[in-house]
Amino acid sequence: MKKIIAILLTVNICVLNVINIFAATTAGQEMRTQVLYLADIITNDNFMNDFVTRAEFSRMIVKASKYKDSVSYYDATTAFSDVDNANEFAPYIKVATKENYMTSYLGGLFKPLEYMTYKDLTRACLALLGYENSDFTGSQIAGRYELFCSLKMNDNIDKGINDFVTKKDCVNAIYNTLKTKSKDSNSAYGTSVFKDLSVNSDGDLNATGLTKTKLEGPFILKRGEALNLAIPFDITTANIFINGTSQTLEQTMRELNDMGYLVYYYNKTTKTIYVYKEGTTLESSTLVKKGYVNHIYYSASDTITPTRVQIDLAYYTLSGSDVKFAFSYAGTIHVGDQIIFIYTKNESTGDTDDSGDGVVETEGTITNAYLYNLNY
């Protein structure tokens, strides 16, 4: 009876926390989902409100662990009579149970098709942070649930302790786990597992590093061109974001027709496409623009390699041999051409460039440039 009362008290505390937290964090759901896409913890955003099976969750939790890159499909044998070695989740089930992220049932069963419960979700996430049975006294379930809530790992989750959890719930729980300090560490757990993941000043995860290392691009898509022919995977299964907002393929093509061009990157692992209209691209300091080339400048000591250009009366320096070659005499871009270019803007105003014919204030440094040449 005392255990039941303890669990009920803990549930009440967590429910009160959820009421306050849920409304404040709902707006960040797309961002949370994108972080887990980039980390390859989840593979798509389909059926986010469907319940998650124990087999499906085994992949999520292992992909969020330090064993994410060491799963062997050649050694997928498990000790469970209800998990066939050919099961796509068998390697993850093996690691998840071996490392005590998940538990099995009496009789040598894993029950892979049963749905995950909230209490099992909390156990798995706390196990990632290094918490074990010995860290809890009395009721293990109540102790874990109380700690889960006190660490605010229940942000954006509105479930009872025995309820089944959805894919969305799992995304939120794992996201919260990644930004929570490990048991014996002063740094966020996710930063130790994913070297390109960091935590920003607001305490949220910054996945820019993951984006840069896993994305291919930038590429240019012009009006009249088909995005599905430019992507090396089935676009019907892809997740598309325009300037950070989820969009359908039809909406993307409408934007293309309206704008005349779009810049895009893609991630083959997560089948995610990031599309950008004129304005900010991967980071706030990186921009995409369209304009006419007014002048191309060379230094007095090197009349072969250009160092600076003027586009729509603004000056930009050039970065990288490919970009410099594109603006050279032998390149594809010349004075009078309309181009699409990506540049990193100067961190402060007043940055100057003394190449070419005198000192000028520059807007930034061009890293990619493409001929626009749209004739219709």
Protein backbone atom coordinates (compact mmCIF):
# COMPACT_ATOMS: atom_id res chain seq x y z
CA MET A 1 0.00 0.00 0.00
CA LYS A 2 2.87 2.38 0.84
CA LYS A 3 4.44 1.70 -2.58
CA ILE A 4 1.14 2.51 -4.33
CA ILE A 5 0.80 5.79 -2.38
CA ALA A 6 4.41 6.72 -3.21
CA ILE A 7 3.83 6.12 -6.90
CA LEU A 8 0.59 8.13 -6.87
CA LEU A 9 2.29 11.05 -5.14
CA THR A 10 5.10 10.98 -7.66
CA VAL A 11 2.61 10.85 -10.55
CA ASN A 12 0.79 13.90 -9.18
CA ILE A 13 4.03 15.87 -8.95
CA CYS A 14 4.93 14.96 -12.53
CA VAL A 15 1.46 15.78 -13.85
CA LEU A 16 1.69 19.26 -12.32
CA ASN A 17 5.09 19.72 -13.95
CA VAL A 18 3.74 18.55 -17.30
CA ILE A 19 0.82 21.03 -17.21
CA ASN A 20 3.26 23.92 -16.81
CA ILE A 21 5.90 22.64 -19.21
CA PHE A 22 3.77 21.24 -22.03
CA ALA A 23 2.30 24.55 -23.19
CA ALA A 24 5.67 26.28 -23.04
CA THR A 25 7.57 23.79 -25.18
CA THR A 26 5.10 22.64 -27.83
CA ALA A 27 6.43 25.20 -30.33
CA GLY A 28 9.83 23.50 -30.31
CA GLN A 29 8.57 20.12 -31.49
CA GLU A 30 9.80 20.44 -35.07
CA MET A 31 13.23 21.47 -33.87
CA ARG A 32 13.40 18.54 -31.46
CA THR A 33 12.38 16.16 -34.22
CA GLN A 34 15.00 17.56 -36.59
CA VAL A 35 17.75 17.05 -34.02
CA LEU A 36 16.86 13.36 -33.72
CA TYR A 37 16.69 13.03 -37.53
CA LEU A 38 20.17 14.44 -37.90
CA ALA A 39 21.47 12.17 -35.16
CA ASP A 40 19.86 9.16 -36.93
CA ILE A 41 17.95 8.26 -33.76
CA ILE A 42 14.70 8.27 -35.72
CA THR A 43 14.39 7.70 -39.45
CA ASN A 44 11.31 9.75 -40.43
CA ASP A 45 8.47 11.80 -38.99
CA ASN A 46 5.64 9.54 -40.14
CA PHE A 47 2.98 8.41 -37.67
CA MET A 48 4.27 10.53 -34.78
CA ASN A 49 1.10 9.88 -32.81
CA ASP A 50 1.26 6.09 -33.18
CA PHE A 51 2.34 3.92 -30.28
CA VAL A 52 5.90 2.60 -30.42
CA THR A 53 6.69 -1.10 -30.11
CA ARG A 54 9.46 -2.36 -27.88
CA ALA A 55 11.38 -3.50 -30.96
CA GLU A 56 11.13 -0.07 -32.58
CA PHE A 57 12.22 1.63 -29.39
CA SER A 58 15.28 -0.63 -29.05
CA ARG A 59 16.72 1.02 -32.18
CA MET A 60 16.00 4.53 -30.87
CA ILE A 61 17.64 3.98 -27.51
CA VAL A 62 20.74 2.26 -28.93
CA LYS A 63 21.13 4.96 -31.58
CA ALA A 64 21.12 7.47 -28.72
CA SER A 65 23.80 5.55 -26.83
CA LYS A 66 27.57 5.27 -27.03
CA TYR A 67 27.04 1.98 -28.89
CA LYS A 68 25.28 3.70 -31.82
CA ASP A 69 28.10 2.99 -34.27
CA SER A 70 29.03 -0.49 -33.08
CA VAL A 71 25.83 -2.44 -33.77
CA SER A 72 26.68 -5.58 -35.72
CA TYR A 73 24.18 -7.10 -38.14
CA TYR A 74 26.43 -10.14 -38.40
CA ASP A 75 26.01 -10.93 -34.71
CA ALA A 76 22.29 -10.42 -34.18
CA THR A 77 21.62 -13.57 -32.18
CA THR A 78 19.56 -12.91 -29.08
CA ALA A 79 18.58 -15.03 -26.11
CA PHE A 80 14.89 -14.46 -26.77
CA SER A 81 12.72 -17.13 -28.33
CA ASP A 82 10.32 -14.50 -29.74
CA VAL A 83 13.04 -12.51 -31.57
CA ASP A 84 14.19 -14.08 -34.82
CA ASN A 85 17.81 -13.46 -35.81
CA ALA A 86 16.57 -12.09 -39.14
CA ASN A 87 14.45 -9.45 -37.39
CA GLU A 88 15.72 -6.00 -38.42
CA PHE A 89 15.65 -4.91 -34.78
CA ALA A 90 17.47 -7.98 -33.41
CA PRO A 91 20.91 -6.31 -33.22
CA TYR A 92 19.44 -3.36 -31.31
CA ILE A 93 17.44 -5.58 -28.97
CA LYS A 94 20.63 -7.47 -28.17
CA VAL A 95 22.53 -4.29 -27.23
CA ALA A 96 19.58 -2.66 -25.43
CA THR A 97 19.10 -5.64 -23.11
CA LYS A 98 22.79 -6.34 -22.63
CA GLU A 99 23.40 -2.76 -21.48
CA ASN A 100 20.25 -2.77 -19.31
CA TYR A 101 18.51 0.00 -21.22
CA MET A 102 15.60 -2.41 -21.59
CA THR A 103 14.54 -5.50 -19.65
CA SER A 104 13.14 -8.85 -20.72
CA TYR A 105 10.29 -10.99 -19.44
CA LEU A 106 10.13 -14.35 -17.68
CA GLY A 107 10.43 -17.37 -19.90
CA GLY A 108 13.10 -15.82 -22.13
CA LEU A 109 10.74 -13.42 -23.90
CA PHE A 110 11.32 -9.87 -25.09
CA LYS A 111 7.81 -9.25 -26.47
CA PRO A 112 9.03 -7.08 -29.38
CA LEU A 113 5.55 -6.25 -30.66
CA GLU A 114 4.19 -4.99 -27.36
CA TYR A 115 3.95 -1.23 -26.94
CA MET A 116 6.41 0.74 -24.84
CA THR A 117 5.08 2.10 -21.56
CA TYR A 118 6.04 5.39 -19.97
CA LYS A 119 7.65 3.63 -17.01
CA ASP A 120 9.90 1.64 -19.38
CA LEU A 121 10.71 4.82 -21.30
CA THR A 122 11.85 6.59 -18.14
CA ARG A 123 13.96 3.58 -17.17
CA ALA A 124 15.71 3.50 -20.55
CA CYS A 125 16.48 7.21 -20.65
CA LEU A 126 17.84 7.29 -17.10
CA ALA A 127 19.96 4.23 -17.92
CA LEU A 128 21.58 6.23 -20.72
CA LEU A 129 22.60 8.80 -18.13
CA GLY A 130 24.25 6.09 -16.03
CA TYR A 131 21.59 5.47 -13.37
CA GLU A 132 21.24 1.91 -12.04
CA ASN A 133 18.93 0.00 -9.69
CA SER A 134 21.22 0.79 -6.74
CA ASP A 135 20.55 4.51 -7.20
CA PHE A 136 16.95 4.08 -6.07
CA THR A 137 15.54 2.94 -2.74
CA GLY A 138 12.03 1.65 -2.13
CA SER A 139 9.94 1.46 -5.25
CA GLN A 140 12.19 1.41 -8.34
CA ILE A 141 9.36 2.69 -10.54
CA ALA A 142 8.46 5.59 -8.24
CA GLY A 143 12.11 6.51 -7.68
CA ARG A 144 12.92 6.62 -11.37
CA TYR A 145 9.78 8.55 -12.19
CA GLU A 146 10.49 11.15 -9.53
CA LEU A 147 14.07 11.64 -10.75
CA PHE A 148 12.89 11.77 -14.38
CA CYS A 149 10.55 14.62 -13.48
CA SER A 150 12.99 16.47 -11.22
CA LEU A 151 15.51 16.55 -14.08
CA LYS A 152 12.75 17.92 -16.35
CA MET A 153 13.15 14.98 -18.69
CA ASN A 154 9.34 14.89 -18.91
CA ASP A 155 9.22 18.17 -20.86
CA ASN A 156 6.51 18.03 -23.52
CA ILE A 157 5.23 14.60 -22.41
CA ASP A 158 1.71 14.21 -21.03
CA LYS A 159 1.39 10.57 -19.99
CA GLY A 160 0.59 8.45 -16.96
CA ILE A 161 3.19 6.06 -15.66
CA ASN A 162 1.56 2.95 -17.17
CA ASP A 163 0.39 4.59 -20.40
CA PHE A 164 1.68 3.55 -23.79
CA VAL A 165 3.95 6.13 -25.40
CA THR A 166 3.88 7.49 -28.95
CA LYS A 167 6.76 8.20 -31.26
CA LYS A 168 6.39 11.87 -30.37
CA ASP A 169 6.73 11.02 -26.67
CA CYS A 170 9.91 9.06 -27.41
CA VAL A 171 11.34 11.94 -29.42
CA ASN A 172 10.75 14.34 -26.54
CA ALA A 173 12.09 11.98 -23.88
CA ILE A 174 15.29 11.22 -25.80
CA TYR A 175 15.78 14.88 -26.76
CA ASN A 176 15.45 15.83 -23.08
CA THR A 177 17.90 13.07 -22.18
CA LEU A 178 20.50 14.34 -24.66
CA LYS A 179 20.51 17.80 -23.06
CA THR A 180 20.53 16.50 -19.45
CA LYS A 181 23.76 16.03 -17.51
CA SER A 182 24.94 12.46 -17.06
CA LYS A 183 24.97 10.99 -13.56
CA ASP A 184 28.70 11.57 -13.06
CA SER A 185 29.27 14.52 -15.38
CA ASN A 186 28.79 18.27 -15.47
CA SER A 187 28.14 18.31 -19.20
CA ALA A 188 25.09 17.35 -21.24
CA TYR A 189 24.94 13.65 -22.05
CA GLY A 190 24.39 14.23 -25.78
CA THR A 191 27.61 16.20 -26.20
CA SER A 192 29.65 13.19 -25.10
CA VAL A 193 27.90 10.78 -27.49
CA PHE A 194 27.65 13.10 -30.51
CA LYS A 195 30.82 15.15 -30.94
CA ASP A 196 29.06 17.67 -33.21
CA LEU A 197 26.19 18.32 -30.80
CA SER A 198 26.26 21.27 -28.41
CA VAL A 199 23.96 23.07 -25.98
CA ASN A 200 23.09 26.73 -26.54
CA SER A 201 22.63 29.46 -23.95
CA ASP A 202 18.92 28.60 -23.61
CA GLY A 203 19.74 25.03 -22.62
CA ASP A 204 18.50 23.58 -25.92
CA LEU A 205 20.47 21.40 -28.30
CA ASN A 206 22.30 23.02 -31.18
CA ALA A 207 22.47 20.57 -34.08
CA THR A 208 24.32 22.85 -36.51
CA GLY A 209 27.41 20.68 -36.17
CA LEU A 210 25.45 17.54 -37.06
CA THR A 211 23.90 19.37 -39.99
CA LYS A 212 27.23 20.46 -41.40
CA THR A 213 28.90 17.08 -41.15
CA LYS A 214 26.02 15.01 -42.53
CA LEU A 215 24.45 17.24 -45.16
CA GLU A 216 25.40 17.29 -48.82
CA GLY A 217 25.12 20.59 -50.66
CA PRO A 218 24.44 23.37 -51.24
CA PHE A 219 22.72 22.78 -54.57
CA ILE A 220 20.57 25.08 -56.68
CA LEU A 221 17.12 24.15 -57.97
CA LYS A 222 15.71 26.42 -60.68
CA ARG A 223 12.15 26.87 -61.87
CA GLY A 224 11.24 24.09 -64.27
CA GLU A 225 13.55 21.56 -62.61
CA ALA A 226 12.21 18.62 -60.59
CA LEU A 227 13.44 18.14 -57.04
CA ASN A 228 12.75 14.39 -57.14
CA LEU A 229 15.24 13.99 -60.03
CA ALA A 230 17.94 15.81 -58.09
CA ILE A 231 17.69 13.76 -54.89
CA PRO A 232 19.41 10.32 -54.62
CA PHE A 233 16.57 8.71 -52.64
CA ASP A 234 12.81 8.29 -52.84
CA ILE A 235 11.45 11.78 -52.29
CA THR A 236 8.03 10.42 -51.29
CA THR A 237 9.63 9.16 -48.06
CA ALA A 238 11.61 12.34 -47.44
CA ASN A 239 11.09 15.04 -44.83
CA ILE A 240 11.27 18.50 -46.38
CA PHE A 241 11.89 21.73 -44.47
CA ILE A 242 11.82 25.21 -45.99
CA ASN A 243 13.71 27.75 -43.88
CA GLY A 244 13.23 25.38 -40.94
CA THR A 245 9.48 24.77 -41.35
CA SER A 246 8.10 21.38 -42.42
CA GLN A 247 6.58 21.46 -45.91
CA THR A 248 5.17 19.03 -48.46
CA LEU A 249 6.71 18.43 -51.87
CA GLU A 250 3.79 20.28 -53.47
CA GLN A 251 4.37 23.33 -51.24
CA THR A 252 8.08 23.23 -52.08
CA MET A 253 7.44 23.23 -55.82
CA ARG A 254 5.01 26.15 -55.43
CA GLU A 255 7.74 28.09 -53.61
CA LEU A 256 10.12 27.23 -56.46
CA ASN A 257 7.70 28.59 -59.05
CA ASP A 258 7.16 31.76 -57.03
CA MET A 259 10.83 32.42 -56.24
CA GLY A 260 12.42 31.12 -59.44
CA TYR A 261 15.11 29.25 -57.49
CA LEU A 262 15.77 27.51 -54.19
CA VAL A 263 18.92 26.39 -52.41
CA TYR A 264 18.83 22.91 -50.90
CA TYR A 265 20.88 20.44 -48.88
CA TYR A 266 20.03 16.81 -48.17
CA ASN A 267 20.91 14.07 -45.73
CA LYS A 268 20.81 10.58 -47.24
CA THR A 269 20.86 8.85 -43.87
CA THR A 270 17.80 10.57 -42.49
CA LYS A 271 16.20 11.23 -45.91
CA THR A 272 15.77 14.86 -44.98
CA ILE A 273 15.88 17.82 -47.41
CA TYR A 274 16.58 21.34 -46.17
CA VAL A 275 15.42 24.01 -48.60
CA TYR A 276 16.16 27.72 -48.27
CA LYS A 277 14.65 30.74 -49.95
CA GLU A 278 16.56 33.99 -50.18
CA GLY A 279 17.74 34.81 -46.69
CA THR A 280 19.30 32.76 -43.92
CA THR A 281 20.56 29.28 -44.72
CA LEU A 282 22.34 26.85 -42.36
CA GLU A 283 23.34 29.49 -39.84
CA SER A 284 22.27 33.04 -39.11
CA SER A 285 25.62 34.28 -40.48
CA THR A 286 25.25 32.45 -43.82
CA LEU A 287 22.95 33.94 -46.44
CA VAL A 288 21.75 33.13 -49.94
CA LYS A 289 21.13 35.97 -52.40
CA LYS A 290 20.60 36.69 -56.08
CA GLY A 291 22.17 39.60 -57.94
CA TYR A 292 24.01 40.98 -60.97
CA VAL A 293 27.81 40.98 -61.16
CA ASN A 294 29.01 44.60 -61.59
CA HIS A 295 32.78 44.10 -61.40
CA ILE A 296 35.38 41.40 -60.81
CA TYR A 297 38.64 42.52 -59.19
CA TYR A 298 42.16 41.07 -59.25
CA SER A 299 45.15 41.91 -57.10
CA ALA A 300 48.09 43.76 -58.60
CA SER A 301 50.37 40.79 -57.90
CA ASP A 302 48.05 38.14 -59.40
CA THR A 303 46.09 39.09 -62.49
CA ILE A 304 44.87 35.52 -63.03
CA THR A 305 43.00 34.83 -59.77
CA PRO A 306 40.15 37.17 -58.73
CA THR A 307 39.96 38.20 -55.10
CA ARG A 308 36.86 40.40 -54.87
CA VAL A 309 33.60 41.05 -56.70
CA GLN A 310 30.93 43.71 -56.74
CA ILE A 311 27.33 42.45 -56.87
CA ASP A 312 24.45 44.93 -56.93
CA LEU A 313 26.94 47.62 -55.85
CA ALA A 314 28.01 45.69 -52.73
CA TYR A 315 31.50 44.19 -52.34
CA TYR A 316 32.34 40.62 -51.40
CA THR A 317 35.60 38.74 -51.01
CA LEU A 318 36.00 35.27 -52.53
CA SER A 319 36.80 32.09 -50.61
CA GLY A 320 38.11 28.83 -52.02
CA SER A 321 39.75 27.92 -55.32
CA ASP A 322 36.47 26.73 -56.90
CA VAL A 323 34.73 30.05 -56.29
CA LYS A 324 37.71 32.08 -57.47
CA PHE A 325 37.94 29.99 -60.63
CA ALA A 326 34.21 30.49 -61.33
CA PHE A 327 34.77 34.27 -61.42
CA SER A 328 38.05 34.07 -63.37
CA TYR A 329 38.61 34.66 -67.08
CA ALA A 330 38.32 30.90 -67.69
CA GLY A 331 35.31 30.47 -65.39
CA THR A 332 31.59 30.48 -66.00
CA ILE A 333 30.62 33.75 -64.28
CA HIS A 334 31.33 37.12 -65.89
CA VAL A 335 30.40 40.78 -65.49
CA GLY A 336 26.72 41.29 -66.29
CA ASP A 337 25.67 37.77 -65.30
CA GLN A 338 22.85 37.25 -62.83
CA ILE A 339 23.96 34.77 -60.20
CA ILE A 340 22.84 33.01 -57.05
CA PHE A 341 25.47 33.10 -54.34
CA ILE A 342 25.92 31.98 -50.76
CA TYR A 343 28.07 34.08 -48.48
CA THR A 344 29.13 34.32 -44.87
CA LYS A 345 28.42 37.83 -43.70
CA ASN A 346 30.98 39.80 -41.74
CA GLU A 347 30.62 39.55 -37.99
CA SER A 348 30.94 43.30 -37.62
CA THR A 349 30.43 46.26 -39.90
CA GLY A 350 33.44 48.00 -41.34
CA ASP A 351 35.37 44.89 -42.47
CA THR A 352 37.53 45.95 -45.39
CA ASP A 353 39.35 44.42 -48.32
CA ASP A 354 42.36 46.13 -49.89
CA SER A 355 42.66 43.93 -52.97
CA GLY A 356 41.61 45.17 -56.38
CA ASP A 357 41.65 48.94 -56.79
CA GLY A 358 41.57 50.38 -53.32
CA VAL A 359 40.19 49.69 -49.84
CA VAL A 360 36.45 48.99 -49.65
CA GLU A 361 34.00 47.84 -47.00
CA THR A 362 32.81 44.30 -47.73
CA GLU A 363 29.52 42.57 -46.93
CA GLY A 364 31.07 39.16 -46.46
CA THR A 365 32.81 36.24 -48.14
CA ILE A 366 31.27 34.24 -50.99
CA THR A 367 31.59 30.47 -50.54
CA ASN A 368 29.38 29.25 -53.42
CA ALA A 369 28.23 30.88 -56.64
CA TYR A 370 26.02 29.69 -59.51
CA LEU A 371 24.79 31.15 -62.78
CA TYR A 372 21.07 31.88 -62.63
CA ASN A 373 20.33 31.99 -66.39
CA LEU A 374 16.56 31.67 -66.06
CA ASN A 375 15.07 32.49 -69.42
CA TYR A 376 11.36 32.11 -68.64
